[in-house]
Amino acid sequence: MKTKQSNKKYALLGIQFTSFMVTPVLVCVLGGSYVQKKYNLGDWFMNACVALAVILLITNLISFARMAIKLSESDKKSQVDEDENKPRN
């Protein structure tokens, strides 16, 4: 049962990672393209949107890495606690 829970946890982490990486790029590029066409802005605006997307991508990657490290540490801690509570023969 424990492996099913850990498999679900890692599958959800994969989905979360993908959404963290794709969402800023899509929102900035598609939204920037729409605003650029609607208000007749120059190419500088799209360059600014791409730069913003890259900055958001990097910050999301750092945030996700910190969360994954904390999760890994809590998994190790819970595994050690379980090992200590096991009856010894």
C-alpha atoms as a PDB file:
ATOM      1  CA  MET A   1       0.000   0.000   0.000  1.00  0.00           C
ATOM      2  CA  LYS A   2       2.869   2.319   0.780  1.00  0.00           C
ATOM      3  CA  THR A   3       4.274   2.069  -2.755  1.00  0.00           C
ATOM      4  CA  LYS A   4       0.919   3.090  -4.242  1.00  0.00           C
ATOM      5  CA  GLN A   5       0.916   6.211  -2.096  1.00  0.00           C
ATOM      6  CA  SER A   6       4.481   7.107  -3.024  1.00  0.00           C
ATOM      7  CA  ASN A   7       3.752   6.455  -6.711  1.00  0.00           C
ATOM      8  CA  LYS A   8       0.754   8.788  -6.540  1.00  0.00           C
ATOM      9  CA  LYS A   9       2.827  11.382  -4.723  1.00  0.00           C
ATOM     10  CA  TYR A  10       5.546  11.342  -7.363  1.00  0.00           C
ATOM     11  CA  ALA A  11       3.022  11.366 -10.213  1.00  0.00           C
ATOM     12  CA  LEU A  12       1.400  14.439  -8.696  1.00  0.00           C
ATOM     13  CA  LEU A  13       4.822  16.048  -8.282  1.00  0.00           C
ATOM     14  CA  GLY A  14       5.461  15.438 -11.985  1.00  0.00           C
ATOM     15  CA  ILE A  15       2.177  17.061 -12.943  1.00  0.00           C
ATOM     16  CA  GLN A  16       2.886  19.993 -10.626  1.00  0.00           C
ATOM     17  CA  PHE A  17       6.382  20.420 -12.056  1.00  0.00           C
ATOM     18  CA  THR A  18       5.022  20.432 -15.607  1.00  0.00           C
ATOM     19  CA  SER A  19       2.375  23.007 -14.763  1.00  0.00           C
ATOM     20  CA  PHE A  20       4.957  25.189 -12.993  1.00  0.00           C
ATOM     21  CA  MET A  21       7.154  25.164 -16.088  1.00  0.00           C
ATOM     22  CA  VAL A  22       4.524  25.504 -18.830  1.00  0.00           C
ATOM     23  CA  THR A  23       2.057  27.994 -17.319  1.00  0.00           C
ATOM     24  CA  PRO A  24       4.324  31.072 -17.081  1.00  0.00           C
ATOM     25  CA  VAL A  25       5.579  30.601 -20.625  1.00  0.00           C
ATOM     26  CA  LEU A  26       2.084  30.184 -22.071  1.00  0.00           C
ATOM     27  CA  VAL A  27       0.579  33.076 -20.134  1.00  0.00           C
ATOM     28  CA  CYS A  28       3.412  35.485 -20.901  1.00  0.00           C
ATOM     29  CA  VAL A  29       3.846  34.564 -24.560  1.00  0.00           C
ATOM     30  CA  LEU A  30       0.168  34.229 -25.491  1.00  0.00           C
ATOM     31  CA  GLY A  31      -0.935  37.158 -23.331  1.00  0.00           C
ATOM     32  CA  GLY A  32       1.956  39.288 -24.563  1.00  0.00           C
ATOM     33  CA  SER A  33       1.149  38.473 -28.167  1.00  0.00           C
ATOM     34  CA  TYR A  34      -2.494  39.419 -27.657  1.00  0.00           C
ATOM     35  CA  VAL A  35      -1.650  42.718 -25.932  1.00  0.00           C
ATOM     36  CA  GLN A  36       1.001  43.517 -28.540  1.00  0.00           C
ATOM     37  CA  LYS A  37      -1.468  43.088 -31.397  1.00  0.00           C
ATOM     38  CA  LYS A  38      -4.345  44.848 -29.624  1.00  0.00           C
ATOM     39  CA  TYR A  39      -2.386  47.970 -28.689  1.00  0.00           C
ATOM     40  CA  ASN A  40       0.057  47.991 -31.623  1.00  0.00           C
ATOM     41  CA  LEU A  41       3.128  47.744 -29.413  1.00  0.00           C
ATOM     42  CA  GLY A  42       6.563  47.111 -30.857  1.00  0.00           C
ATOM     43  CA  ASP A  43       8.794  44.075 -30.679  1.00  0.00           C
ATOM     44  CA  TRP A  44      10.249  45.322 -27.421  1.00  0.00           C
ATOM     45  CA  PHE A  45       7.041  44.326 -25.657  1.00  0.00           C
ATOM     46  CA  MET A  46       7.282  40.704 -26.759  1.00  0.00           C
ATOM     47  CA  ASN A  47      10.943  40.635 -25.726  1.00  0.00           C
ATOM     48  CA  ALA A  48       9.928  41.922 -22.289  1.00  0.00           C
ATOM     49  CA  CYS A  49       7.241  39.235 -22.042  1.00  0.00           C
ATOM     50  CA  VAL A  50       9.715  36.485 -22.932  1.00  0.00           C
ATOM     51  CA  ALA A  51      12.184  37.843 -20.363  1.00  0.00           C
ATOM     52  CA  LEU A  52       9.405  37.874 -17.758  1.00  0.00           C
ATOM     53  CA  ALA A  53       8.515  34.267 -18.664  1.00  0.00           C
ATOM     54  CA  VAL A  54      12.131  33.175 -18.197  1.00  0.00           C
ATOM     55  CA  ILE A  55      12.358  34.928 -14.830  1.00  0.00           C
ATOM     56  CA  LEU A  56       9.120  33.294 -13.674  1.00  0.00           C
ATOM     57  CA  LEU A  57      10.328  29.934 -14.942  1.00  0.00           C
ATOM     58  CA  ILE A  58      13.558  30.197 -12.951  1.00  0.00           C
ATOM     59  CA  THR A  59      11.802  31.300  -9.750  1.00  0.00           C
ATOM     60  CA  ASN A  60       9.256  28.480 -10.074  1.00  0.00           C
ATOM     61  CA  LEU A  61      12.063  25.987 -10.640  1.00  0.00           C
ATOM     62  CA  ILE A  62      13.855  27.156  -7.486  1.00  0.00           C
ATOM     63  CA  SER A  63      10.624  27.064  -5.490  1.00  0.00           C
ATOM     64  CA  PHE A  64       9.822  23.563  -6.722  1.00  0.00           C
ATOM     65  CA  ALA A  65      13.326  22.337  -5.940  1.00  0.00           C
ATOM     66  CA  ARG A  66      13.077  23.657  -2.372  1.00  0.00           C
ATOM     67  CA  MET A  67       9.713  21.946  -1.923  1.00  0.00           C
ATOM     68  CA  ALA A  68      11.037  18.665  -3.338  1.00  0.00           C
ATOM     69  CA  ILE A  69      14.054  18.785  -0.994  1.00  0.00           C
ATOM     70  CA  LYS A  70      11.794  19.361   2.025  1.00  0.00           C
ATOM     71  CA  LEU A  71       9.544  16.505   0.898  1.00  0.00           C
ATOM     72  CA  SER A  72      12.528  14.216   0.444  1.00  0.00           C
ATOM     73  CA  GLU A  73      13.846  15.083   3.901  1.00  0.00           C
ATOM     74  CA  SER A  74      10.451  14.445   5.499  1.00  0.00           C
ATOM     75  CA  ASP A  75      10.241  11.083   3.680  1.00  0.00           C
ATOM     76  CA  LYS A  76      13.670  10.105   5.008  1.00  0.00           C
ATOM     77  CA  LYS A  77      12.708  11.217   8.506  1.00  0.00           C
ATOM     78  CA  SER A  78       9.451   9.246   8.464  1.00  0.00           C
ATOM     79  CA  GLN A  79      11.290   6.199   7.142  1.00  0.00           C
ATOM     80  CA  VAL A  80      13.816   6.421   9.984  1.00  0.00           C
ATOM     81  CA  ASP A  81      10.981   6.808  12.503  1.00  0.00           C
ATOM     82  CA  GLU A  82       9.249   3.720  11.087  1.00  0.00           C
ATOM     83  CA  ASP A  83      12.471   1.724  11.230  1.00  0.00           C
ATOM     84  CA  GLU A  84      12.930   2.648  14.889  1.00  0.00           C
ATOM     85  CA  ASN A  85       9.370   1.586  15.745  1.00  0.00           C
ATOM     86  CA  LYS A  86       9.637  -1.843  14.104  1.00  0.00           C
ATOM     87  CA  PRO A  87       9.872  -4.722  16.563  1.00  0.00           C
ATOM     88  CA  ARG A  88      13.247  -6.373  16.533  1.00  0.00           C
ATOM     89  CA  ASN A  89      13.604 -10.131  16.613  1.00  0.00           C
END
